[in-house]
Amino acid sequence: MISTTDERGVINNFAKDPVASAAEYPSEAQQRRYWIMGAASTVFMAGVFALAYAVS
């Protein structure tokens, strides 16, 4: 933990700053997986809503 002391002796504690890094563009395989996961979640949520509508 980083701490500093000012001229009056008051101690201030600061959180460590994370190291910043640039994001990388997803590969073709990752993009395909994202599309498949999005389609699967859309179908799943449509089924949940259809079931909720049928039960009510």
C-alpha atoms as a PDB file:
ATOM      1  CA  MET A   1       0.000   0.000   0.000  1.00  0.00           C
ATOM      2  CA  ILE A   2       1.284   3.431  -0.873  1.00  0.00           C
ATOM      3  CA  SER A   3       1.151   5.964   1.943  1.00  0.00           C
ATOM      4  CA  THR A   4       2.356   9.509   2.203  1.00  0.00           C
ATOM      5  CA  THR A   5       2.836  11.848   5.131  1.00  0.00           C
ATOM      6  CA  ASP A   6       2.225  15.556   4.796  1.00  0.00           C
ATOM      7  CA  GLU A   7       4.008  18.331   6.723  1.00  0.00           C
ATOM      8  CA  ARG A   8       1.622  17.976   9.713  1.00  0.00           C
ATOM      9  CA  GLY A   9       2.291  14.233  10.041  1.00  0.00           C
ATOM     10  CA  VAL A  10      -1.081  13.149   8.649  1.00  0.00           C
ATOM     11  CA  ILE A  11      -0.816   9.798   6.868  1.00  0.00           C
ATOM     12  CA  ASN A  12      -2.741   9.319   3.603  1.00  0.00           C
ATOM     13  CA  ASN A  13      -3.136   5.819   2.144  1.00  0.00           C
ATOM     14  CA  PHE A  14      -3.675   5.357  -1.576  1.00  0.00           C
ATOM     15  CA  ALA A  15      -4.605   2.287  -3.616  1.00  0.00           C
ATOM     16  CA  LYS A  16      -2.094   1.022  -6.170  1.00  0.00           C
ATOM     17  CA  ASP A  17      -2.824   2.174  -9.703  1.00  0.00           C
ATOM     18  CA  PRO A  18      -3.330  -0.698 -12.152  1.00  0.00           C
ATOM     19  CA  VAL A  19      -1.004  -1.006 -15.105  1.00  0.00           C
ATOM     20  CA  ALA A  20      -2.808   0.178 -18.240  1.00  0.00           C
ATOM     21  CA  SER A  21      -2.581  -1.870 -21.416  1.00  0.00           C
ATOM     22  CA  ALA A  22      -4.125  -1.566 -24.851  1.00  0.00           C
ATOM     23  CA  ALA A  23      -6.894  -3.989 -25.786  1.00  0.00           C
ATOM     24  CA  GLU A  24      -6.382  -6.339 -28.704  1.00  0.00           C
ATOM     25  CA  TYR A  25      -8.977  -6.836 -31.417  1.00  0.00           C
ATOM     26  CA  PRO A  26     -10.599 -10.304 -31.156  1.00  0.00           C
ATOM     27  CA  SER A  27      -9.532 -12.933 -33.662  1.00  0.00           C
ATOM     28  CA  GLU A  28     -11.906 -14.475 -36.202  1.00  0.00           C
ATOM     29  CA  ALA A  29     -12.432 -17.534 -33.968  1.00  0.00           C
ATOM     30  CA  GLN A  30     -13.269 -15.336 -30.974  1.00  0.00           C
ATOM     31  CA  GLN A  31     -15.694 -13.263 -33.059  1.00  0.00           C
ATOM     32  CA  ARG A  32     -17.422 -16.452 -34.221  1.00  0.00           C
ATOM     33  CA  ARG A  33     -17.715 -17.681 -30.610  1.00  0.00           C
ATOM     34  CA  TYR A  34     -19.176 -14.309 -29.537  1.00  0.00           C
ATOM     35  CA  TRP A  35     -21.769 -14.552 -32.318  1.00  0.00           C
ATOM     36  CA  ILE A  36     -22.700 -18.118 -31.335  1.00  0.00           C
ATOM     37  CA  MET A  37     -22.972 -17.211 -27.632  1.00  0.00           C
ATOM     38  CA  GLY A  38     -25.150 -14.210 -28.510  1.00  0.00           C
ATOM     39  CA  ALA A  39     -27.446 -16.323 -30.680  1.00  0.00           C
ATOM     40  CA  ALA A  40     -27.687 -19.037 -28.007  1.00  0.00           C
ATOM     41  CA  SER A  41     -28.505 -16.522 -25.282  1.00  0.00           C
ATOM     42  CA  THR A  42     -31.145 -14.903 -27.509  1.00  0.00           C
ATOM     43  CA  VAL A  43     -32.798 -18.286 -28.131  1.00  0.00           C
ATOM     44  CA  PHE A  44     -32.611 -19.107 -24.412  1.00  0.00           C
ATOM     45  CA  MET A  45     -34.203 -15.803 -23.374  1.00  0.00           C
ATOM     46  CA  ALA A  46     -36.924 -16.181 -26.020  1.00  0.00           C
ATOM     47  CA  GLY A  47     -37.700 -19.609 -24.531  1.00  0.00           C
ATOM     48  CA  VAL A  48     -37.812 -18.165 -21.009  1.00  0.00           C
ATOM     49  CA  PHE A  49     -40.213 -15.418 -22.087  1.00  0.00           C
ATOM     50  CA  ALA A  50     -42.365 -17.903 -24.034  1.00  0.00           C
ATOM     51  CA  LEU A  51     -42.538 -20.182 -20.987  1.00  0.00           C
ATOM     52  CA  ALA A  52     -43.426 -17.255 -18.703  1.00  0.00           C
ATOM     53  CA  TYR A  53     -46.158 -16.184 -21.157  1.00  0.00           C
ATOM     54  CA  ALA A  54     -47.535 -19.750 -21.364  1.00  0.00           C
ATOM     55  CA  VAL A  55     -47.618 -20.149 -17.581  1.00  0.00           C
ATOM     56  CA  SER A  56     -49.326 -16.827 -16.907  1.00  0.00           C
END
